[in-house]
Amino acid sequence: MDAFIPYFSDGAWFLLREAHLTTLTLLILLFFVYSLADYRRALMLSVVFAAATLVGMVLSASELFHLRAALTAFLLPFLATLLAISNILGAGAKHSAILEKTGYAIDILFGIVLGLSIGSGYGQADGTVFPLLCFALGLAVGVILAALVVLCISSLAAFFGVNRRDYILVLSSIAIGLMIPLLLRTFPFTLR
């Protein structure tokens, strides 16, 4: 139990670190298109994200697959920007199957890339996956709590009469504005 708590709390508090602004932005983009009535979809997205992150962490910790640090630093804001653009393009529509599948695809890709970028720090030389499982469980709890907070805020906005299309456009545009400097700073093909 003493080994469980540090890794679990690391995963649970992962989203609140300043270094992981991109992850928090992506999760907000994923969840604010839903209302509290759609909590099942948001919970499924949370579990899929945690599972994809675990897969990426296992691949990285076992040294089966690696991405350069510069590439992962670029891919994370790139995927968040893609999701924001997808939200903008589908802002007026109801939950369509294409938009939902796009959200799942970006969720899975982002989770795997995130896992690849942080997995080597949790891997053990003896091959145990216990730290990875504890971190992923904590991450799942943190993501579910973040989803519930975002769903409550989204439902409050709907309750106060804020047009769904408008707040999706505004929040997605803010997310793109946050991601552009990160994309420019981490673009892997620039000569420095």
N, C-alpha and C. Protein backbone atom coordinates (compact mmCIF):
# COMPACT_ATOMS: atom_id res chain seq x y z
N MET A 1 0.82 -1.20 0.00
CA MET A 1 0.00 0.00 0.00
C MET A 1 0.86 1.26 0.00
N ASP A 2 2.03 1.16 0.63
CA ASP A 2 2.92 2.33 0.67
C ASP A 2 3.42 2.69 -0.72
N ALA A 3 3.57 1.71 -1.59
CA ALA A 3 4.03 1.98 -2.96
C ALA A 3 2.89 2.48 -3.84
N PHE A 4 1.65 2.14 -3.50
CA PHE A 4 0.50 2.51 -4.32
C PHE A 4 0.21 4.01 -4.26
N ILE A 5 0.21 4.57 -3.06
CA ILE A 5 -0.24 5.95 -2.85
C ILE A 5 0.58 6.98 -3.62
N PRO A 6 1.92 6.92 -3.62
CA PRO A 6 2.66 7.95 -4.37
C PRO A 6 2.35 7.95 -5.87
N TYR A 7 2.28 6.78 -6.47
CA TYR A 7 2.01 6.71 -7.90
C TYR A 7 0.57 7.10 -8.20
N PHE A 8 -0.36 6.67 -7.36
CA PHE A 8 -1.77 7.03 -7.55
C PHE A 8 -1.96 8.54 -7.44
N SER A 9 -1.38 9.15 -6.41
CA SER A 9 -1.54 10.60 -6.25
C SER A 9 -0.82 11.36 -7.36
N ASP A 10 0.28 10.82 -7.85
CA ASP A 10 0.96 11.42 -9.00
C ASP A 10 0.02 11.47 -10.20
N GLY A 11 -0.69 10.39 -10.45
CA GLY A 11 -1.63 10.33 -11.55
C GLY A 11 -2.85 11.21 -11.33
N ALA A 12 -3.36 11.21 -10.09
CA ALA A 12 -4.58 11.98 -9.80
C ALA A 12 -4.33 13.49 -9.91
N TRP A 13 -3.16 13.95 -9.53
CA TRP A 13 -2.84 15.38 -9.57
C TRP A 13 -2.11 15.78 -10.84
N PHE A 14 -1.96 14.87 -11.76
CA PHE A 14 -1.19 15.09 -12.98
C PHE A 14 -1.72 16.29 -13.77
N LEU A 15 -3.03 16.42 -13.88
CA LEU A 15 -3.63 17.46 -14.71
C LEU A 15 -3.44 18.87 -14.16
N LEU A 16 -3.21 18.98 -12.86
CA LEU A 16 -3.15 20.30 -12.25
C LEU A 16 -1.76 20.92 -12.27
N ARG A 17 -0.79 20.22 -12.82
CA ARG A 17 0.54 20.79 -12.93
C ARG A 17 0.60 21.73 -14.12
N GLU A 18 1.32 22.82 -13.96
CA GLU A 18 1.41 23.82 -15.03
C GLU A 18 2.01 23.25 -16.30
N ALA A 19 2.92 22.30 -16.15
CA ALA A 19 3.58 21.70 -17.32
C ALA A 19 2.60 20.91 -18.19
N HIS A 20 1.44 20.58 -17.67
CA HIS A 20 0.49 19.76 -18.41
C HIS A 20 -0.74 20.56 -18.83
N LEU A 21 -0.53 21.81 -19.18
CA LEU A 21 -1.60 22.68 -19.65
C LEU A 21 -2.24 22.12 -20.92
N THR A 22 -1.43 21.54 -21.77
CA THR A 22 -1.95 20.97 -23.02
C THR A 22 -2.93 19.84 -22.74
N THR A 23 -2.61 18.98 -21.79
CA THR A 23 -3.49 17.87 -21.45
C THR A 23 -4.81 18.37 -20.90
N LEU A 24 -4.74 19.33 -20.00
CA LEU A 24 -5.97 19.89 -19.42
C LEU A 24 -6.80 20.57 -20.50
N THR A 25 -6.15 21.30 -21.40
CA THR A 25 -6.87 21.96 -22.48
C THR A 25 -7.58 20.95 -23.37
N LEU A 26 -6.89 19.86 -23.71
CA LEU A 26 -7.53 18.84 -24.55
C LEU A 26 -8.73 18.23 -23.85
N LEU A 27 -8.60 17.94 -22.58
CA LEU A 27 -9.72 17.33 -21.86
C LEU A 27 -10.90 18.28 -21.76
N ILE A 28 -10.64 19.55 -21.55
CA ILE A 28 -11.73 20.53 -21.54
C ILE A 28 -12.41 20.56 -22.91
N LEU A 29 -11.60 20.54 -23.98
CA LEU A 29 -12.16 20.53 -25.33
C LEU A 29 -13.00 19.27 -25.58
N LEU A 30 -12.58 18.16 -25.02
CA LEU A 30 -13.33 16.91 -25.19
C LEU A 30 -14.67 16.95 -24.48
N PHE A 31 -14.67 17.51 -23.27
CA PHE A 31 -15.84 17.36 -22.40
C PHE A 31 -16.86 18.49 -22.50
N PHE A 32 -16.45 19.72 -22.86
CA PHE A 32 -17.43 20.80 -22.76
C PHE A 32 -18.47 20.77 -23.86
N VAL A 33 -18.31 19.91 -24.85
CA VAL A 33 -19.36 19.78 -25.86
C VAL A 33 -20.52 18.94 -25.36
N TYR A 34 -20.35 18.29 -24.21
CA TYR A 34 -21.40 17.47 -23.61
C TYR A 34 -22.04 18.22 -22.45
N SER A 35 -23.24 17.78 -22.08
CA SER A 35 -23.89 18.32 -20.89
C SER A 35 -23.88 17.23 -19.81
N LEU A 36 -24.39 17.58 -18.65
CA LEU A 36 -24.40 16.63 -17.54
C LEU A 36 -25.25 15.39 -17.88
N ALA A 37 -26.23 15.57 -18.75
CA ALA A 37 -27.06 14.44 -19.17
C ALA A 37 -26.27 13.42 -19.98
N ASP A 38 -25.16 13.85 -20.58
CA ASP A 38 -24.32 12.96 -21.39
C ASP A 38 -23.13 12.43 -20.61
N TYR A 39 -23.30 12.28 -19.30
CA TYR A 39 -22.16 11.90 -18.46
C TYR A 39 -21.57 10.55 -18.85
N ARG A 40 -22.38 9.66 -19.41
CA ARG A 40 -21.85 8.33 -19.79
C ARG A 40 -20.79 8.45 -20.89
N ARG A 41 -21.05 9.32 -21.85
CA ARG A 41 -20.07 9.54 -22.92
C ARG A 41 -18.79 10.13 -22.37
N ALA A 42 -18.93 11.08 -21.47
CA ALA A 42 -17.74 11.70 -20.88
C ALA A 42 -16.96 10.71 -20.04
N LEU A 43 -17.65 9.86 -19.29
CA LEU A 43 -16.95 8.84 -18.51
C LEU A 43 -16.23 7.85 -19.42
N MET A 44 -16.86 7.51 -20.53
CA MET A 44 -16.21 6.60 -21.48
C MET A 44 -14.96 7.24 -22.08
N LEU A 45 -15.05 8.53 -22.43
CA LEU A 45 -13.88 9.24 -22.94
C LEU A 45 -12.77 9.27 -21.90
N SER A 46 -13.14 9.44 -20.62
CA SER A 46 -12.15 9.46 -19.54
C SER A 46 -11.43 8.13 -19.43
N VAL A 47 -12.19 7.06 -19.46
CA VAL A 47 -11.60 5.72 -19.34
C VAL A 47 -10.73 5.41 -20.56
N VAL A 48 -11.20 5.78 -21.74
CA VAL A 48 -10.42 5.55 -22.96
C VAL A 48 -9.11 6.33 -22.90
N PHE A 49 -9.16 7.56 -22.42
CA PHE A 49 -7.95 8.37 -22.30
C PHE A 49 -6.96 7.73 -21.34
N ALA A 50 -7.43 7.30 -20.18
CA ALA A 50 -6.54 6.67 -19.19
C ALA A 50 -5.96 5.36 -19.74
N ALA A 51 -6.78 4.58 -20.44
CA ALA A 51 -6.29 3.32 -21.01
C ALA A 51 -5.26 3.57 -22.10
N ALA A 52 -5.51 4.56 -22.95
CA ALA A 52 -4.55 4.89 -24.02
C ALA A 52 -3.24 5.40 -23.42
N THR A 53 -3.34 6.18 -22.36
CA THR A 53 -2.13 6.66 -21.69
C THR A 53 -1.36 5.48 -21.10
N LEU A 54 -2.07 4.54 -20.51
CA LEU A 54 -1.41 3.35 -19.96
C LEU A 54 -0.71 2.55 -21.06
N VAL A 55 -1.35 2.40 -22.21
CA VAL A 55 -0.72 1.68 -23.32
C VAL A 55 0.57 2.39 -23.74
N GLY A 56 0.51 3.71 -23.88
CA GLY A 56 1.71 4.47 -24.24
C GLY A 56 2.81 4.35 -23.20
N MET A 57 2.42 4.38 -21.92
CA MET A 57 3.41 4.25 -20.85
C MET A 57 4.06 2.88 -20.86
N VAL A 58 3.28 1.84 -21.09
CA VAL A 58 3.84 0.48 -21.14
C VAL A 58 4.79 0.34 -22.32
N LEU A 59 4.40 0.88 -23.48
CA LEU A 59 5.27 0.84 -24.65
C LEU A 59 6.59 1.56 -24.39
N SER A 60 6.51 2.70 -23.72
CA SER A 60 7.71 3.48 -23.43
C SER A 60 8.57 2.83 -22.36
N ALA A 61 7.94 2.38 -21.28
CA ALA A 61 8.70 1.79 -20.17
C ALA A 61 9.37 0.48 -20.57
N SER A 62 8.72 -0.28 -21.44
CA SER A 62 9.31 -1.54 -21.88
C SER A 62 10.26 -1.35 -23.06
N GLU A 63 10.42 -0.12 -23.48
CA GLU A 63 11.31 0.26 -24.58
C GLU A 63 10.95 -0.43 -25.90
N LEU A 64 9.67 -0.68 -26.10
CA LEU A 64 9.20 -1.25 -27.36
C LEU A 64 9.04 -0.17 -28.43
N PHE A 65 8.72 1.04 -28.00
CA PHE A 65 8.48 2.14 -28.93
C PHE A 65 8.87 3.44 -28.27
N HIS A 66 9.53 4.30 -29.02
CA HIS A 66 9.93 5.61 -28.50
C HIS A 66 9.64 6.68 -29.54
N LEU A 67 9.32 7.85 -29.06
CA LEU A 67 9.25 9.04 -29.89
C LEU A 67 10.25 10.04 -29.33
N ARG A 68 10.83 10.81 -30.23
CA ARG A 68 11.74 11.85 -29.76
C ARG A 68 10.96 12.84 -28.89
N ALA A 69 11.64 13.38 -27.90
CA ALA A 69 10.99 14.32 -26.98
C ALA A 69 10.47 15.55 -27.73
N ALA A 70 11.23 16.02 -28.72
CA ALA A 70 10.79 17.19 -29.49
C ALA A 70 9.51 16.89 -30.27
N LEU A 71 9.40 15.67 -30.76
CA LEU A 71 8.20 15.30 -31.51
C LEU A 71 6.98 15.18 -30.60
N THR A 72 7.14 14.57 -29.44
CA THR A 72 5.99 14.47 -28.52
C THR A 72 5.58 15.85 -28.02
N ALA A 73 6.57 16.73 -27.81
CA ALA A 73 6.24 18.08 -27.36
C ALA A 73 5.47 18.84 -28.43
N PHE A 74 5.65 18.48 -29.69
CA PHE A 74 4.89 19.10 -30.77
C PHE A 74 3.53 18.42 -30.96
N LEU A 75 3.50 17.10 -30.88
CA LEU A 75 2.26 16.36 -31.16
C LEU A 75 1.15 16.66 -30.16
N LEU A 76 1.49 16.87 -28.90
CA LEU A 76 0.45 17.10 -27.89
C LEU A 76 -0.34 18.38 -28.18
N PRO A 77 0.30 19.56 -28.38
CA PRO A 77 -0.50 20.73 -28.73
C PRO A 77 -1.12 20.64 -30.13
N PHE A 78 -0.48 19.91 -31.03
CA PHE A 78 -1.04 19.73 -32.38
C PHE A 78 -2.37 18.99 -32.31
N LEU A 79 -2.42 17.92 -31.53
CA LEU A 79 -3.67 17.15 -31.39
C LEU A 79 -4.75 17.97 -30.69
N ALA A 80 -4.35 18.77 -29.69
CA ALA A 80 -5.33 19.64 -29.02
C ALA A 80 -5.88 20.68 -30.00
N THR A 81 -5.02 21.20 -30.86
CA THR A 81 -5.46 22.17 -31.87
C THR A 81 -6.40 21.51 -32.87
N LEU A 82 -6.09 20.29 -33.29
CA LEU A 82 -6.99 19.56 -34.19
C LEU A 82 -8.38 19.37 -33.58
N LEU A 83 -8.41 19.03 -32.30
CA LEU A 83 -9.70 18.85 -31.63
C LEU A 83 -10.46 20.18 -31.55
N ALA A 84 -9.75 21.27 -31.29
CA ALA A 84 -10.40 22.58 -31.24
C ALA A 84 -10.98 22.95 -32.60
N ILE A 85 -10.24 22.69 -33.66
CA ILE A 85 -10.73 22.97 -35.01
C ILE A 85 -11.95 22.09 -35.31
N SER A 86 -11.89 20.84 -34.91
CA SER A 86 -13.02 19.93 -35.10
C SER A 86 -14.25 20.44 -34.34
N ASN A 87 -14.04 20.94 -33.13
CA ASN A 87 -15.16 21.50 -32.36
C ASN A 87 -15.74 22.73 -33.05
N ILE A 88 -14.88 23.58 -33.61
CA ILE A 88 -15.36 24.78 -34.29
C ILE A 88 -16.17 24.40 -35.52
N LEU A 89 -15.68 23.45 -36.29
CA LEU A 89 -16.39 23.05 -37.51
C LEU A 89 -17.73 22.39 -37.20
N GLY A 90 -17.83 21.73 -36.07
CA GLY A 90 -19.08 21.05 -35.73
C GLY A 90 -19.87 21.74 -34.64
N ALA A 91 -19.60 23.03 -34.40
CA ALA A 91 -20.21 23.73 -33.27
C ALA A 91 -21.72 23.84 -33.38
N GLY A 92 -22.25 24.01 -34.56
CA GLY A 92 -23.68 24.20 -34.69
C GLY A 92 -24.47 22.91 -34.71
N ALA A 93 -23.79 21.83 -34.94
CA ALA A 93 -24.48 20.54 -35.09
C ALA A 93 -24.71 19.88 -33.74
N LYS A 94 -25.68 19.01 -33.73
CA LYS A 94 -25.86 18.15 -32.56
C LYS A 94 -24.74 17.12 -32.58
N HIS A 95 -24.72 16.26 -31.59
CA HIS A 95 -23.67 15.25 -31.51
C HIS A 95 -23.76 14.32 -32.71
N SER A 96 -22.91 14.54 -33.70
CA SER A 96 -22.91 13.66 -34.86
C SER A 96 -21.92 12.53 -34.65
N ALA A 97 -22.11 11.47 -35.38
CA ALA A 97 -21.23 10.31 -35.24
C ALA A 97 -19.81 10.65 -35.67
N ILE A 98 -19.66 11.48 -36.70
CA ILE A 98 -18.32 11.85 -37.18
C ILE A 98 -17.58 12.65 -36.13
N LEU A 99 -18.25 13.63 -35.52
CA LEU A 99 -17.58 14.43 -34.49
C LEU A 99 -17.23 13.58 -33.28
N GLU A 100 -18.10 12.67 -32.92
CA GLU A 100 -17.82 11.82 -31.77
C GLU A 100 -16.65 10.88 -32.05
N LYS A 101 -16.60 10.33 -33.26
CA LYS A 101 -15.48 9.45 -33.62
C LYS A 101 -14.18 10.24 -33.70
N THR A 102 -14.25 11.47 -34.17
CA THR A 102 -13.06 12.32 -34.20
C THR A 102 -12.56 12.57 -32.79
N GLY A 103 -13.48 12.83 -31.86
CA GLY A 103 -13.10 13.03 -30.46
C GLY A 103 -12.44 11.80 -29.87
N TYR A 104 -13.00 10.63 -30.15
CA TYR A 104 -12.40 9.39 -29.65
C TYR A 104 -11.02 9.15 -30.26
N ALA A 105 -10.89 9.38 -31.57
CA ALA A 105 -9.60 9.15 -32.23
C ALA A 105 -8.52 10.07 -31.66
N ILE A 106 -8.85 11.34 -31.49
CA ILE A 106 -7.87 12.28 -30.94
C ILE A 106 -7.59 11.94 -29.49
N ASP A 107 -8.62 11.53 -28.76
CA ASP A 107 -8.45 11.13 -27.36
C ASP A 107 -7.46 9.97 -27.25
N ILE A 108 -7.61 8.96 -28.09
CA ILE A 108 -6.73 7.80 -28.06
C ILE A 108 -5.31 8.18 -28.47
N LEU A 109 -5.18 8.93 -29.58
CA LEU A 109 -3.85 9.34 -30.02
C LEU A 109 -3.14 10.19 -28.98
N PHE A 110 -3.87 11.14 -28.40
CA PHE A 110 -3.28 12.01 -27.39
C PHE A 110 -2.85 11.19 -26.18
N GLY A 111 -3.69 10.26 -25.76
CA GLY A 111 -3.34 9.42 -24.61
C GLY A 111 -2.09 8.59 -24.85
N ILE A 112 -1.98 8.02 -26.04
CA ILE A 112 -0.80 7.20 -26.36
C ILE A 112 0.45 8.07 -26.41
N VAL A 113 0.37 9.22 -27.08
CA VAL A 113 1.54 10.11 -27.16
C VAL A 113 1.92 10.61 -25.78
N LEU A 114 0.93 10.96 -24.96
CA LEU A 114 1.22 11.39 -23.60
C LEU A 114 1.89 10.27 -22.81
N GLY A 115 1.37 9.06 -22.94
CA GLY A 115 1.97 7.92 -22.26
C GLY A 115 3.40 7.66 -22.72
N LEU A 116 3.65 7.82 -24.02
CA LEU A 116 5.01 7.65 -24.53
C LEU A 116 5.95 8.70 -23.97
N SER A 117 5.42 9.90 -23.74
CA SER A 117 6.30 10.98 -23.25
C SER A 117 6.60 10.86 -21.76
N ILE A 118 5.71 10.24 -20.98
CA ILE A 118 5.95 10.17 -19.53
C ILE A 118 6.22 8.76 -19.03
N GLY A 119 6.08 7.76 -19.88
CA GLY A 119 6.16 6.37 -19.45
C GLY A 119 7.51 5.92 -18.94
N SER A 120 8.57 6.43 -19.52
CA SER A 120 9.90 5.95 -19.12
C SER A 120 10.23 6.35 -17.69
N GLY A 121 9.61 7.39 -17.19
CA GLY A 121 9.86 7.81 -15.82
C GLY A 121 9.21 6.91 -14.78
N TYR A 122 8.26 6.09 -15.20
CA TYR A 122 7.57 5.21 -14.26
C TYR A 122 7.91 3.75 -14.45
N GLY A 123 8.69 3.44 -15.46
CA GLY A 123 9.06 2.05 -15.70
C GLY A 123 10.11 1.58 -14.71
N GLN A 124 10.11 0.32 -14.43
CA GLN A 124 11.06 -0.29 -13.51
C GLN A 124 12.00 -1.19 -14.29
N ALA A 125 13.21 -1.32 -13.81
CA ALA A 125 14.20 -2.17 -14.47
C ALA A 125 13.78 -3.64 -14.42
N ASP A 126 13.05 -4.03 -13.39
CA ASP A 126 12.65 -5.44 -13.26
C ASP A 126 11.40 -5.78 -14.09
N GLY A 127 10.87 -4.81 -14.82
CA GLY A 127 9.75 -5.08 -15.72
C GLY A 127 8.38 -5.02 -15.07
N THR A 128 8.28 -4.62 -13.83
CA THR A 128 6.98 -4.58 -13.17
C THR A 128 6.14 -3.42 -13.72
N VAL A 129 4.86 -3.66 -13.84
CA VAL A 129 3.96 -2.63 -14.34
C VAL A 129 3.13 -2.01 -13.21
N PHE A 130 3.42 -2.38 -11.99
CA PHE A 130 2.65 -1.87 -10.85
C PHE A 130 2.64 -0.34 -10.79
N PRO A 131 3.81 0.34 -10.92
CA PRO A 131 3.76 1.80 -10.89
C PRO A 131 2.93 2.39 -12.02
N LEU A 132 3.00 1.76 -13.19
CA LEU A 132 2.22 2.25 -14.33
C LEU A 132 0.73 2.11 -14.08
N LEU A 133 0.32 0.97 -13.54
CA LEU A 133 -1.10 0.74 -13.24
C LEU A 133 -1.60 1.71 -12.18
N CYS A 134 -0.79 1.94 -11.15
CA CYS A 134 -1.19 2.88 -10.09
C CYS A 134 -1.33 4.29 -10.64
N PHE A 135 -0.37 4.70 -11.47
CA PHE A 135 -0.43 6.03 -12.08
C PHE A 135 -1.67 6.14 -12.98
N ALA A 136 -1.92 5.12 -13.80
CA ALA A 136 -3.07 5.15 -14.71
C ALA A 136 -4.39 5.18 -13.95
N LEU A 137 -4.46 4.46 -12.84
CA LEU A 137 -5.67 4.48 -12.02
C LEU A 137 -5.89 5.88 -11.43
N GLY A 138 -4.81 6.47 -10.92
CA GLY A 138 -4.91 7.84 -10.40
C GLY A 138 -5.27 8.82 -11.49
N LEU A 139 -4.68 8.65 -12.68
CA LEU A 139 -5.00 9.53 -13.81
C LEU A 139 -6.47 9.40 -14.19
N ALA A 140 -6.99 8.17 -14.20
CA ALA A 140 -8.40 7.97 -14.52
C ALA A 140 -9.30 8.69 -13.53
N VAL A 141 -8.97 8.62 -12.24
CA VAL A 141 -9.76 9.32 -11.23
C VAL A 141 -9.68 10.83 -11.45
N GLY A 142 -8.49 11.34 -11.72
CA GLY A 142 -8.33 12.78 -11.97
C GLY A 142 -9.08 13.23 -13.20
N VAL A 143 -9.05 12.44 -14.26
CA VAL A 143 -9.74 12.80 -15.50
C VAL A 143 -11.25 12.74 -15.31
N ILE A 144 -11.74 11.75 -14.57
CA ILE A 144 -13.18 11.67 -14.31
C ILE A 144 -13.65 12.87 -13.50
N LEU A 145 -12.87 13.27 -12.50
CA LEU A 145 -13.23 14.46 -11.72
C LEU A 145 -13.22 15.71 -12.60
N ALA A 146 -12.21 15.83 -13.46
CA ALA A 146 -12.16 16.98 -14.37
C ALA A 146 -13.36 16.96 -15.31
N ALA A 147 -13.74 15.78 -15.79
CA ALA A 147 -14.90 15.67 -16.67
C ALA A 147 -16.17 16.11 -15.97
N LEU A 148 -16.34 15.69 -14.72
CA LEU A 148 -17.55 16.09 -13.98
C LEU A 148 -17.59 17.59 -13.76
N VAL A 149 -16.45 18.20 -13.46
CA VAL A 149 -16.40 19.66 -13.27
C VAL A 149 -16.77 20.36 -14.58
N VAL A 150 -16.18 19.93 -15.69
CA VAL A 150 -16.47 20.56 -16.98
C VAL A 150 -17.92 20.34 -17.37
N LEU A 151 -18.47 19.15 -17.12
CA LEU A 151 -19.88 18.89 -17.43
C LEU A 151 -20.80 19.77 -16.60
N CYS A 152 -20.47 19.98 -15.34
CA CYS A 152 -21.28 20.87 -14.50
C CYS A 152 -21.24 22.30 -15.02
N ILE A 153 -20.06 22.76 -15.41
CA ILE A 153 -19.94 24.12 -15.95
C ILE A 153 -20.71 24.23 -17.26
N SER A 154 -20.61 23.22 -18.10
CA SER A 154 -21.34 23.21 -19.37
C SER A 154 -22.85 23.23 -19.13
N SER A 155 -23.31 22.47 -18.15
CA SER A 155 -24.74 22.46 -17.83
C SER A 155 -25.20 23.78 -17.23
N LEU A 156 -24.34 24.39 -16.42
CA LEU A 156 -24.67 25.72 -15.88
C LEU A 156 -24.79 26.75 -16.99
N ALA A 157 -23.89 26.68 -17.96
CA ALA A 157 -23.97 27.61 -19.09
C ALA A 157 -25.29 27.42 -19.84
N ALA A 158 -25.69 26.18 -20.04
CA ALA A 158 -26.96 25.91 -20.72
C ALA A 158 -28.14 26.38 -19.86
N PHE A 159 -28.04 26.20 -18.55
CA PHE A 159 -29.10 26.61 -17.64
C PHE A 159 -29.31 28.13 -17.69
N PHE A 160 -28.21 28.88 -17.79
CA PHE A 160 -28.31 30.33 -17.83
C PHE A 160 -28.56 30.87 -19.23
N GLY A 161 -28.83 29.99 -20.17
CA GLY A 161 -29.23 30.42 -21.50
C GLY A 161 -28.10 30.75 -22.46
N VAL A 162 -26.88 30.37 -22.13
CA VAL A 162 -25.78 30.60 -23.05
C VAL A 162 -25.92 29.63 -24.21
N ASN A 163 -25.85 30.16 -25.40
CA ASN A 163 -25.99 29.34 -26.59
C ASN A 163 -24.83 28.34 -26.67
N ARG A 164 -25.14 27.08 -26.86
CA ARG A 164 -24.14 26.01 -26.92
C ARG A 164 -23.11 26.28 -28.01
N ARG A 165 -23.58 26.68 -29.17
CA ARG A 165 -22.69 26.96 -30.29
C ARG A 165 -21.71 28.08 -29.94
N ASP A 166 -22.20 29.10 -29.26
CA ASP A 166 -21.34 30.24 -28.92
C ASP A 166 -20.23 29.85 -27.96
N TYR A 167 -20.57 29.11 -26.90
CA TYR A 167 -19.49 28.80 -25.95
C TYR A 167 -18.53 27.76 -26.50
N ILE A 168 -18.99 26.92 -27.41
CA ILE A 168 -18.06 25.99 -28.07
C ILE A 168 -17.09 26.77 -28.95
N LEU A 169 -17.61 27.74 -29.71
CA LEU A 169 -16.74 28.56 -30.56
C LEU A 169 -15.74 29.36 -29.73
N VAL A 170 -16.21 29.97 -28.66
CA VAL A 170 -15.32 30.80 -27.83
C VAL A 170 -14.25 29.96 -27.16
N LEU A 171 -14.63 28.87 -26.51
CA LEU A 171 -13.64 28.05 -25.80
C LEU A 171 -12.67 27.36 -26.77
N SER A 172 -13.14 26.94 -27.92
CA SER A 172 -12.24 26.33 -28.90
C SER A 172 -11.27 27.36 -29.46
N SER A 173 -11.74 28.58 -29.67
CA SER A 173 -10.85 29.64 -30.15
C SER A 173 -9.81 30.00 -29.10
N ILE A 174 -10.20 30.05 -27.84
CA ILE A 174 -9.24 30.30 -26.76
C ILE A 174 -8.20 29.19 -26.72
N ALA A 175 -8.64 27.95 -26.88
CA ALA A 175 -7.71 26.81 -26.87
C ALA A 175 -6.72 26.91 -28.02
N ILE A 176 -7.19 27.29 -29.20
CA ILE A 176 -6.28 27.46 -30.33
C ILE A 176 -5.28 28.57 -30.03
N GLY A 177 -5.76 29.66 -29.43
CA GLY A 177 -4.86 30.74 -29.05
C GLY A 177 -3.81 30.32 -28.04
N LEU A 178 -4.17 29.42 -27.14
CA LEU A 178 -3.19 28.90 -26.17
C LEU A 178 -2.20 27.94 -26.83
N MET A 179 -2.64 27.20 -27.82
CA MET A 179 -1.80 26.17 -28.43
C MET A 179 -0.85 26.71 -29.49
N ILE A 180 -1.19 27.81 -30.16
CA ILE A 180 -0.34 28.33 -31.24
C ILE A 180 1.07 28.65 -30.75
N PRO A 181 1.26 29.34 -29.62
CA PRO A 181 2.65 29.57 -29.17
C PRO A 181 3.39 28.27 -28.86
N LEU A 182 2.69 27.28 -28.32
CA LEU A 182 3.33 25.99 -28.05
C LEU A 182 3.72 25.29 -29.35
N LEU A 183 2.86 25.38 -30.35
CA LEU A 183 3.18 24.78 -31.64
C LEU A 183 4.39 25.44 -32.28
N LEU A 184 4.43 26.76 -32.21
CA LEU A 184 5.56 27.48 -32.79
C LEU A 184 6.87 27.18 -32.06
N ARG A 185 6.78 27.07 -30.75
CA ARG A 185 7.97 26.81 -29.94
C ARG A 185 8.48 25.38 -30.12
N THR A 186 7.60 24.44 -30.36
CA THR A 186 8.00 23.04 -30.41
C THR A 186 8.01 22.45 -31.81
N PHE A 187 7.84 23.27 -32.83
CA PHE A 187 7.81 22.74 -34.19
C PHE A 187 9.11 21.99 -34.46
N PRO A 188 9.03 20.69 -34.75
CA PRO A 188 10.24 19.86 -34.79
C PRO A 188 11.12 20.06 -36.02
N PHE A 189 10.64 20.77 -37.01
CA PHE A 189 11.41 20.87 -38.24
C PHE A 189 12.12 22.20 -38.40
N THR A 190 12.10 23.03 -37.37
CA THR A 190 12.78 24.32 -37.46
C THR A 190 14.27 24.14 -37.20
N LEU A 191 15.04 24.96 -37.84
CA LEU A 191 16.49 24.93 -37.63
C LEU A 191 16.83 25.96 -36.57
N ARG A 192 17.46 25.51 -35.53
CA ARG A 192 17.82 26.44 -34.45
C ARG A 192 19.29 26.45 -34.25
